[in-house]
C-alpha atoms as a PDB file:
ATOM      1  CA  MET A   1     101.363 -64.195 -83.836  1.00  0.00           C
ATOM      2  CA  PRO A   2     102.892 -65.557 -81.395  1.00  0.00           C
ATOM      3  CA  PRO A   3     101.461 -67.548 -78.794  1.00  0.00           C
ATOM      4  CA  GLY A   4     100.189 -65.752 -76.165  1.00  0.00           C
ATOM      5  CA  THR A   5      99.412 -62.678 -78.024  1.00  0.00           C
ATOM      6  CA  ARG A   6      96.455 -60.364 -76.890  1.00  0.00           C
ATOM      7  CA  VAL A   7      95.010 -58.577 -80.367  1.00  0.00           C
ATOM      8  CA  ILE A   8      93.101 -55.651 -79.266  1.00  0.00           C
ATOM      9  CA  TYR A   9      90.775 -54.381 -82.242  1.00  0.00           C
ATOM     10  CA  GLY A  10      88.838 -50.839 -82.594  1.00  0.00           C
ATOM     11  CA  GLY A  11      85.485 -50.999 -82.136  1.00  0.00           C
ATOM     12  CA  VAL A  12      84.499 -50.336 -85.750  1.00  0.00           C
ATOM     13  CA  ARG A  13      85.636 -53.610 -86.681  1.00  0.00           C
ATOM     14  CA  CYS A  14      83.208 -55.152 -84.337  1.00  0.00           C
ATOM     15  CA  ASN A  15      80.246 -52.497 -84.620  1.00  0.00           C
ATOM     16  CA  GLY A  16      80.817 -50.886 -87.580  1.00  0.00           C
ATOM     17  CA  THR A  17      78.085 -50.733 -90.476  1.00  0.00           C
ATOM     18  CA  GLN A  18      77.638 -53.451 -92.704  1.00  0.00           C
ATOM     19  CA  GLY A  19      76.334 -54.107 -95.778  1.00  0.00           C
ATOM     20  CA  ARG A  20      76.974 -53.111 -99.561  1.00  0.00           C
ATOM     21  CA  ALA A  21      73.775 -50.601 -99.624  1.00  0.00           C
ATOM     22  CA  ASN A  22      74.854 -48.938 -96.295  1.00  0.00           C
ATOM     23  CA  TRP A  23      78.221 -48.435 -97.421  1.00  0.00           C
ATOM     24  CA  GLU A  24      76.641 -47.037-100.368  1.00  0.00           C
ATOM     25  CA  ARG A  25      74.463 -44.591 -98.574  1.00  0.00           C
ATOM     26  CA  MET A  26      77.130 -43.492 -96.428  1.00  0.00           C
ATOM     27  CA  ILE A  27      79.228 -42.500 -99.202  1.00  0.00           C
ATOM     28  CA  ASN A  28      76.725 -40.988-101.286  1.00  0.00           C
ATOM     29  CA  ASP A  29      75.822 -38.692 -98.068  1.00  0.00           C
ATOM     30  CA  ALA A  30      79.429 -37.651 -97.872  1.00  0.00           C
ATOM     31  CA  LEU A  31      79.653 -36.437-101.698  1.00  0.00           C
ATOM     32  CA  GLU A  32      76.312 -34.863-101.067  1.00  0.00           C
ATOM     33  CA  ASN A  33      77.379 -32.964 -98.413  1.00  0.00           C
ATOM     34  CA  SER A  34      80.981 -31.780 -98.308  1.00  0.00           C
ATOM     35  CA  ALA A  35      82.054 -30.449 -95.711  1.00  0.00           C
ATOM     36  CA  ASN A  36      84.214 -27.763 -97.297  1.00  0.00           C
ATOM     37  CA  ASP A  37      83.169 -27.794-100.947  1.00  0.00           C
ATOM     38  CA  ASP A  38      80.218 -28.115-103.404  1.00  0.00           C
ATOM     39  CA  PRO A  39      78.220 -31.147-103.540  1.00  0.00           C
ATOM     40  CA  LEU A  40      79.998 -33.097-105.886  1.00  0.00           C
ATOM     41  CA  ARG A  41      76.728 -33.433-108.440  1.00  0.00           C
ATOM     42  CA  LEU A  42      76.688 -29.345-108.144  1.00  0.00           C
ATOM     43  CA  LYS A  43      80.505 -29.517-108.764  1.00  0.00           C
ATOM     44  CA  LEU A  44      79.942 -31.438-112.168  1.00  0.00           C
ATOM     45  CA  GLN A  45      76.864 -29.820-113.265  1.00  0.00           C
ATOM     46  CA  LYS A  46      79.008 -26.339-112.870  1.00  0.00           C
ATOM     47  CA  LEU A  47      81.509 -28.617-115.004  1.00  0.00           C
ATOM     48  CA  LYS A  48      79.163 -29.096-117.690  1.00  0.00           C
ATOM     49  CA  GLU A  49      77.885 -25.962-117.937  1.00  0.00           C
ATOM     50  CA  LYS A  50      81.944 -24.548-118.848  1.00  0.00           C
ATOM     51  CA  THR A  51      82.696 -27.409-121.198  1.00  0.00           C
ATOM     52  CA  ASN A  52      80.416 -30.051-122.950  1.00  0.00           C
ATOM     53  CA  ASP A  53      82.823 -32.795-122.237  1.00  0.00           C
ATOM     54  CA  PRO A  54      85.041 -32.495-119.104  1.00  0.00           C
ATOM     55  CA  ARG A  55      87.932 -34.231-118.250  1.00  0.00           C
ATOM     56  CA  ILE A  56      87.693 -36.454-114.942  1.00  0.00           C
ATOM     57  CA  VAL A  57      90.598 -38.241-113.138  1.00  0.00           C
ATOM     58  CA  ILE A  58      89.917 -40.753-110.396  1.00  0.00           C
ATOM     59  CA  ALA A  59      93.382 -41.296-108.283  1.00  0.00           C
ATOM     60  CA  PHE A  60      93.470 -43.557-105.395  1.00  0.00           C
ATOM     61  CA  ASP A  61      96.140 -44.968-103.526  1.00  0.00           C
ATOM     62  CA  ASP A  62      97.966 -48.137-104.427  1.00  0.00           C
ATOM     63  CA  VAL A  63      97.761 -51.528-102.435  1.00  0.00           C
ATOM     64  CA  SER A  64     100.620 -50.313-100.093  1.00  0.00           C
ATOM     65  CA  ILE A  65      97.468 -48.696 -97.988  1.00  0.00           C
ATOM     66  CA  PRO A  66      96.219 -50.998 -96.082  1.00  0.00           C
ATOM     67  CA  LEU A  67      98.563 -53.866 -95.482  1.00  0.00           C
ATOM     68  CA  PRO A  68      97.695 -56.544 -95.118  1.00  0.00           C
ATOM     69  CA  VAL A  69      95.572 -56.221 -98.366  1.00  0.00           C
ATOM     70  CA  MET A  70      91.583 -55.027 -97.457  1.00  0.00           C
ATOM     71  CA  ARG A  71      89.191 -58.409 -98.064  1.00  0.00           C
ATOM     72  CA  LYS A  72      86.821 -57.644-100.779  1.00  0.00           C
ATOM     73  CA  PRO A  73      85.286 -55.762-101.411  1.00  0.00           C
ATOM     74  CA  ASP A  74      88.019 -52.934-101.010  1.00  0.00           C
ATOM     75  CA  ILE A  75      86.210 -50.032 -99.722  1.00  0.00           C
ATOM     76  CA  ARG A  76      88.590 -47.807-102.682  1.00  0.00           C
ATOM     77  CA  SER A  77      85.964 -50.137-105.369  1.00  0.00           C
ATOM     78  CA  VAL A  78      82.655 -48.922-103.807  1.00  0.00           C
ATOM     79  CA  VAL A  79      83.595 -45.144-103.717  1.00  0.00           C
ATOM     80  CA  MET A  80      84.949 -45.305-106.961  1.00  0.00           C
ATOM     81  CA  GLU A  81      81.395 -47.257-108.556  1.00  0.00           C
ATOM     82  CA  VAL A  82      79.333 -44.849-106.632  1.00  0.00           C
ATOM     83  CA  VAL A  83      81.393 -41.932-107.988  1.00  0.00           C
ATOM     84  CA  GLU A  84      81.758 -43.369-111.585  1.00  0.00           C
ATOM     85  CA  GLU A  85      78.041 -43.783-111.732  1.00  0.00           C
ATOM     86  CA  MET A  86      77.178 -40.066-110.632  1.00  0.00           C
ATOM     87  CA  LEU A  87      79.644 -39.093-113.478  1.00  0.00           C
ATOM     88  CA  ILE A  88      77.645 -41.184-115.935  1.00  0.00           C
ATOM     89  CA  GLU A  89      74.292 -39.674-114.470  1.00  0.00           C
ATOM     90  CA  GLU A  90      75.389 -36.604-115.193  1.00  0.00           C
ATOM     91  CA  GLY A  91      76.497 -37.360-118.919  1.00  0.00           C
ATOM     92  CA  ILE A  92      80.413 -37.577-118.414  1.00  0.00           C
ATOM     93  CA  THR A  93      82.007 -40.123-120.127  1.00  0.00           C
ATOM     94  CA  ASP A  94      85.878 -38.720-120.315  1.00  0.00           C
ATOM     95  CA  ILE A  95      86.851 -40.922-117.169  1.00  0.00           C
ATOM     96  CA  THR A  96      90.365 -41.852-116.487  1.00  0.00           C
ATOM     97  CA  PHE A  97      91.652 -43.891-113.246  1.00  0.00           C
ATOM     98  CA  VAL A  98      94.836 -43.189-112.242  1.00  0.00           C
ATOM     99  CA  CYS A  99      96.982 -45.021-109.595  1.00  0.00           C
ATOM    100  CA  SER A 100      98.517 -42.870-107.056  1.00  0.00           C
ATOM    101  CA  ILE A 101     101.996 -44.671-107.244  1.00  0.00           C
ATOM    102  CA  ALA A 102     105.233 -42.101-107.323  1.00  0.00           C
ATOM    103  CA  LEU A 103     107.919 -44.201-106.850  1.00  0.00           C
ATOM    104  CA  HIS A 104     106.286 -47.829-105.713  1.00  0.00           C
ATOM    105  CA  ARG A 105     106.496 -50.322-108.054  1.00  0.00           C
ATOM    106  CA  PHE A 106     103.414 -50.680-110.581  1.00  0.00           C
ATOM    107  CA  ILE A 107     100.168 -52.148-109.476  1.00  0.00           C
ATOM    108  CA  ARG A 108      99.432 -55.380-111.376  1.00  0.00           C
ATOM    109  CA  PRO A 109      96.052 -56.383-113.218  1.00  0.00           C
ATOM    110  CA  ASP A 110      94.988 -58.454-110.298  1.00  0.00           C
ATOM    111  CA  GLU A 111      95.679 -55.504-107.958  1.00  0.00           C
ATOM    112  CA  PHE A 112      93.713 -52.886-110.309  1.00  0.00           C
ATOM    113  CA  ARG A 113      90.860 -55.373-109.848  1.00  0.00           C
ATOM    114  CA  HIS A 114      90.910 -55.847-106.904  1.00  0.00           C
ATOM    115  CA  CYS A 115      91.412 -51.761-105.572  1.00  0.00           C
ATOM    116  CA  CYS A 116      88.765 -50.895-108.225  1.00  0.00           C
ATOM    117  CA  GLY A 117      86.565 -53.993-108.555  1.00  0.00           C
ATOM    118  CA  LYS A 118      85.774 -56.321-111.530  1.00  0.00           C
ATOM    119  CA  LYS A 119      83.078 -53.810-112.963  1.00  0.00           C
ATOM    120  CA  LEU A 120      85.458 -51.068-113.499  1.00  0.00           C
ATOM    121  CA  PHE A 121      88.110 -53.071-114.335  1.00  0.00           C
ATOM    122  CA  ASP A 122      86.160 -54.758-117.270  1.00  0.00           C
ATOM    123  CA  LYS A 123      85.182 -51.419-118.242  1.00  0.00           C
ATOM    124  CA  TYR A 124      87.941 -49.248-118.225  1.00  0.00           C
ATOM    125  CA  TYR A 125      91.525 -51.388-117.995  1.00  0.00           C
ATOM    126  CA  PRO A 126      94.389 -50.919-119.477  1.00  0.00           C
ATOM    127  CA  HIS A 127      93.527 -47.724-121.656  1.00  0.00           C
ATOM    128  CA  ARG A 128      91.381 -46.017-118.929  1.00  0.00           C
ATOM    129  CA  MET A 129      92.865 -47.297-116.006  1.00  0.00           C
ATOM    130  CA  LYS A 130      96.599 -46.825-115.372  1.00  0.00           C
ATOM    131  CA  ASN A 131      99.316 -46.502-113.055  1.00  0.00           C
ATOM    132  CA  TYR A 132     101.538 -43.031-112.723  1.00  0.00           C
ATOM    133  CA  ASN A 133     104.739 -43.218-113.538  1.00  0.00           C
ATOM    134  CA  ALA A 134     107.154 -40.654-111.545  1.00  0.00           C
ATOM    135  CA  VAL A 135     110.108 -40.965-113.839  1.00  0.00           C
ATOM    136  CA  ASP A 136     108.217 -40.496-117.276  1.00  0.00           C
ATOM    137  CA  ALA A 137     108.927 -37.310-118.270  1.00  0.00           C
ATOM    138  CA  GLU A 138     106.292 -37.055-120.709  1.00  0.00           C
ATOM    139  CA  GLY A 139     103.770 -38.144-118.259  1.00  0.00           C
ATOM    140  CA  SER A 140     104.526 -35.188-116.511  1.00  0.00           C
ATOM    141  CA  VAL A 141     104.110 -31.246-116.414  1.00  0.00           C
ATOM    142  CA  HIS A 142     106.242 -28.906-114.192  1.00  0.00           C
ATOM    143  CA  LEU A 143     103.964 -26.573-112.639  1.00  0.00           C
ATOM    144  CA  GLY A 144     107.029 -24.377-111.055  1.00  0.00           C
ATOM    145  CA  TYR A 145     109.080 -23.629-107.476  1.00  0.00           C
ATOM    146  CA  THR A 146     107.589 -23.086-104.211  1.00  0.00           C
ATOM    147  CA  ARG A 147     108.589 -20.637-101.900  1.00  0.00           C
ATOM    148  CA  HIS A 148     111.843 -22.948-100.920  1.00  0.00           C
ATOM    149  CA  GLN A 149     112.375 -24.144-104.524  1.00  0.00           C
ATOM    150  CA  GLU A 150     110.963 -27.453-104.550  1.00  0.00           C
ATOM    151  CA  ASP A 151     110.278 -28.742-108.078  1.00  0.00           C
ATOM    152  CA  VAL A 152     106.540 -28.973-108.828  1.00  0.00           C
ATOM    153  CA  GLU A 153     106.040 -31.220-111.289  1.00  0.00           C
ATOM    154  CA  ALA A 154     102.672 -33.806-111.632  1.00  0.00           C
ATOM    155  CA  CYS A 155     100.934 -36.427-113.597  1.00  0.00           C
ATOM    156  CA  LYS A 156      99.694 -34.831-116.728  1.00  0.00           C
ATOM    157  CA  GLU A 157      96.601 -36.423-116.852  1.00  0.00           C
ATOM    158  CA  VAL A 158      95.655 -34.969-113.539  1.00  0.00           C
ATOM    159  CA  VAL A 159      97.040 -31.339-114.858  1.00  0.00           C
ATOM    160  CA  GLU A 160      95.055 -31.420-117.905  1.00  0.00           C
ATOM    161  CA  SER A 161      91.771 -32.685-116.212  1.00  0.00           C
ATOM    162  CA  ASP A 162      89.099 -30.244-115.499  1.00  0.00           C
ATOM    163  CA  LEU A 163      88.633 -31.997-112.208  1.00  0.00           C
ATOM    164  CA  MET A 164      90.492 -34.801-110.138  1.00  0.00           C
ATOM    165  CA  ILE A 165      88.321 -37.050-107.377  1.00  0.00           C
ATOM    166  CA  TYR A 166      90.631 -38.492-105.275  1.00  0.00           C
ATOM    167  CA  VAL A 167      89.747 -41.600-103.256  1.00  0.00           C
ATOM    168  CA  ASN A 168      91.522 -41.944 -99.909  1.00  0.00           C
ATOM    169  CA  ILE A 169      92.132 -44.172 -97.321  1.00  0.00           C
ATOM    170  CA  ASN A 170      93.695 -43.122 -94.075  1.00  0.00           C
ATOM    171  CA  TYR A 171      94.931 -45.445 -91.444  1.00  0.00           C
ATOM    172  CA  ALA A 172      97.895 -43.043 -89.813  1.00  0.00           C
ATOM    173  CA  PRO A 173      98.308 -39.637 -88.872  1.00  0.00           C
ATOM    174  CA  MET A 174     101.369 -39.502 -91.616  1.00  0.00           C
ATOM    175  CA  ASP A 175      98.540 -39.907 -94.317  1.00  0.00           C
ATOM    176  CA  GLY A 176      95.674 -38.137 -96.291  1.00  0.00           C
ATOM    177  CA  GLY A 177      95.255 -34.369 -97.528  1.00  0.00           C
ATOM    178  CA  TYR A 178      98.337 -33.559 -99.854  1.00  0.00           C
ATOM    179  CA  LYS A 179     100.458 -36.456 -98.454  1.00  0.00           C
ATOM    180  CA  SER A 180      97.728 -38.495-100.947  1.00  0.00           C
ATOM    181  CA  TYR A 181      98.589 -36.681-104.388  1.00  0.00           C
ATOM    182  CA  GLY A 182     101.354 -34.024-103.107  1.00  0.00           C
ATOM    183  CA  THR A 183     103.606 -37.414-103.063  1.00  0.00           C
ATOM    184  CA  GLY A 184     101.695 -40.087-105.148  1.00  0.00           C
ATOM    185  CA  LEU A 185     101.014 -37.972-108.175  1.00  0.00           C
ATOM    186  CA  VAL A 186     104.108 -35.847-108.191  1.00  0.00           C
ATOM    187  CA  SER A 187     107.531 -37.122-110.422  1.00  0.00           C
ATOM    188  CA  TYR A 188     110.941 -38.010-109.083  1.00  0.00           C
ATOM    189  CA  ASN A 189     111.728 -34.277-109.571  1.00  0.00           C
ATOM    190  CA  SER A 190     109.844 -33.317-106.733  1.00  0.00           C
ATOM    191  CA  LEU A 191     109.926 -36.211-104.237  1.00  0.00           C
ATOM    192  CA  LYS A 192     113.900 -35.685-104.435  1.00  0.00           C
ATOM    193  CA  HIS A 193     113.376 -32.563-102.474  1.00  0.00           C
ATOM    194  CA  ASN A 194     111.619 -34.628 -99.469  1.00  0.00           C
ATOM    195  CA  HIS A 195     112.453 -38.329 -99.629  1.00  0.00           C
ATOM    196  CA  ASP A 196     116.198 -37.641 -98.396  1.00  0.00           C
ATOM    197  CA  TYR A 197     118.202 -37.848 -95.490  1.00  0.00           C
ATOM    198  CA  LYS A 198     118.133 -34.333 -94.531  1.00  0.00           C
ATOM    199  CA  THR A 199     114.144 -33.894 -94.498  1.00  0.00           C
ATOM    200  CA  LEU A 200     114.061 -37.387 -92.248  1.00  0.00           C
ATOM    201  CA  THR A 201     116.731 -35.416 -90.009  1.00  0.00           C
ATOM    202  CA  GLU A 202     114.536 -32.304 -89.614  1.00  0.00           C
ATOM    203  CA  THR A 203     111.483 -35.264 -88.942  1.00  0.00           C
ATOM    204  CA  GLN A 204     110.706 -35.815 -85.071  1.00  0.00           C
ATOM    205  CA  SER A 205     108.072 -38.384 -86.069  1.00  0.00           C
ATOM    206  CA  LEU A 206     106.115 -39.341 -89.669  1.00  0.00           C
ATOM    207  CA  MET A 207     103.427 -39.746 -87.575  1.00  0.00           C
ATOM    208  CA  ASP A 208     102.992 -35.843 -86.614  1.00  0.00           C
ATOM    209  CA  PRO A 209     102.595 -33.970 -89.132  1.00  0.00           C
ATOM    210  CA  LYS A 210     103.176 -30.431 -87.368  1.00  0.00           C
ATOM    211  CA  GLU A 211     106.745 -31.569 -86.487  1.00  0.00           C
ATOM    212  CA  SER A 212     108.003 -33.448 -89.825  1.00  0.00           C
ATOM    213  CA  ALA A 213     109.984 -31.993 -92.506  1.00  0.00           C
ATOM    214  CA  LEU A 214     108.753 -34.281 -94.878  1.00  0.00           C
ATOM    215  CA  HIS A 215     105.010 -33.186 -94.220  1.00  0.00           C
ATOM    216  CA  ARG A 216     106.136 -29.679 -94.489  1.00  0.00           C
ATOM    217  CA  SER A 217     107.710 -30.192 -97.788  1.00  0.00           C
ATOM    218  CA  ILE A 218     104.490 -32.000 -99.248  1.00  0.00           C
ATOM    219  CA  ASN A 219     101.939 -29.713 -98.035  1.00  0.00           C
ATOM    220  CA  ARG A 220     104.322 -26.821 -99.992  1.00  0.00           C
ATOM    221  CA  ILE A 221     104.137 -28.837-103.108  1.00  0.00           C
ATOM    222  CA  GLY A 222     100.592 -29.925-102.670  1.00  0.00           C
ATOM    223  CA  LYS A 223      99.024 -26.619-102.016  1.00  0.00           C
ATOM    224  CA  MET A 224     101.116 -24.948-105.317  1.00  0.00           C
ATOM    225  CA  MET A 225      99.525 -28.341-107.050  1.00  0.00           C
ATOM    226  CA  GLN A 226      95.806 -27.424-106.057  1.00  0.00           C
ATOM    227  CA  GLU A 227      96.227 -23.646-107.209  1.00  0.00           C
ATOM    228  CA  LYS A 228      96.754 -25.057-110.526  1.00  0.00           C
ATOM    229  CA  VAL A 229      94.426 -27.876-110.927  1.00  0.00           C
ATOM    230  CA  ILE A 230      90.908 -28.004-109.641  1.00  0.00           C
ATOM    231  CA  PHE A 231      90.572 -30.608-107.146  1.00  0.00           C
ATOM    232  CA  SER A 232      88.044 -32.315-104.819  1.00  0.00           C
ATOM    233  CA  LEU A 233      89.242 -34.337-101.942  1.00  0.00           C
END
């Protein structure tokens, strides 16, 4: 930064809970005390009652969030290790990791290792840990159209799964919710409806979803995905 720059950090940076054991405890508490859904473990047990070998997709934000890159361990890796351990404990082994990349560049092997952690990278990469390809027709499934005639075409692994668990990082008001998978896990045919000049001119601020035509379009797409596919966010 230029000389004389004053940098103000949020209190969480200097006073936040430290230590991996504490992070894992907090993550488990969040998974077992979901605000708007069944606890994850109960959801998994219900899935096992319906099908002996459920397909699970763990999707996550790419390395464009956050910038600069998070120091190790990336919190995504801690969350994913806790979730994967719970899946294994419940006898679920059909697990695929998908980077929610949309039309960003594919993340590299070293970036997968950073986001997912060495333990999961060594176990699942490359066959069960991959980038979503938003321009590969064979890798997407068309689910229909919104009331505004927007294509809803989503990642095939997600559509064919029994449950997707999304590991999201929120640093700005524009991120999170439907913005995560209604953008990152849909094809170009869906993205073309809101990543365009017209949508941006009708958006007062990307940081205010209520005033954002981009978010209104993404929400319509995301809600339809949610109707078609089982999600845990």
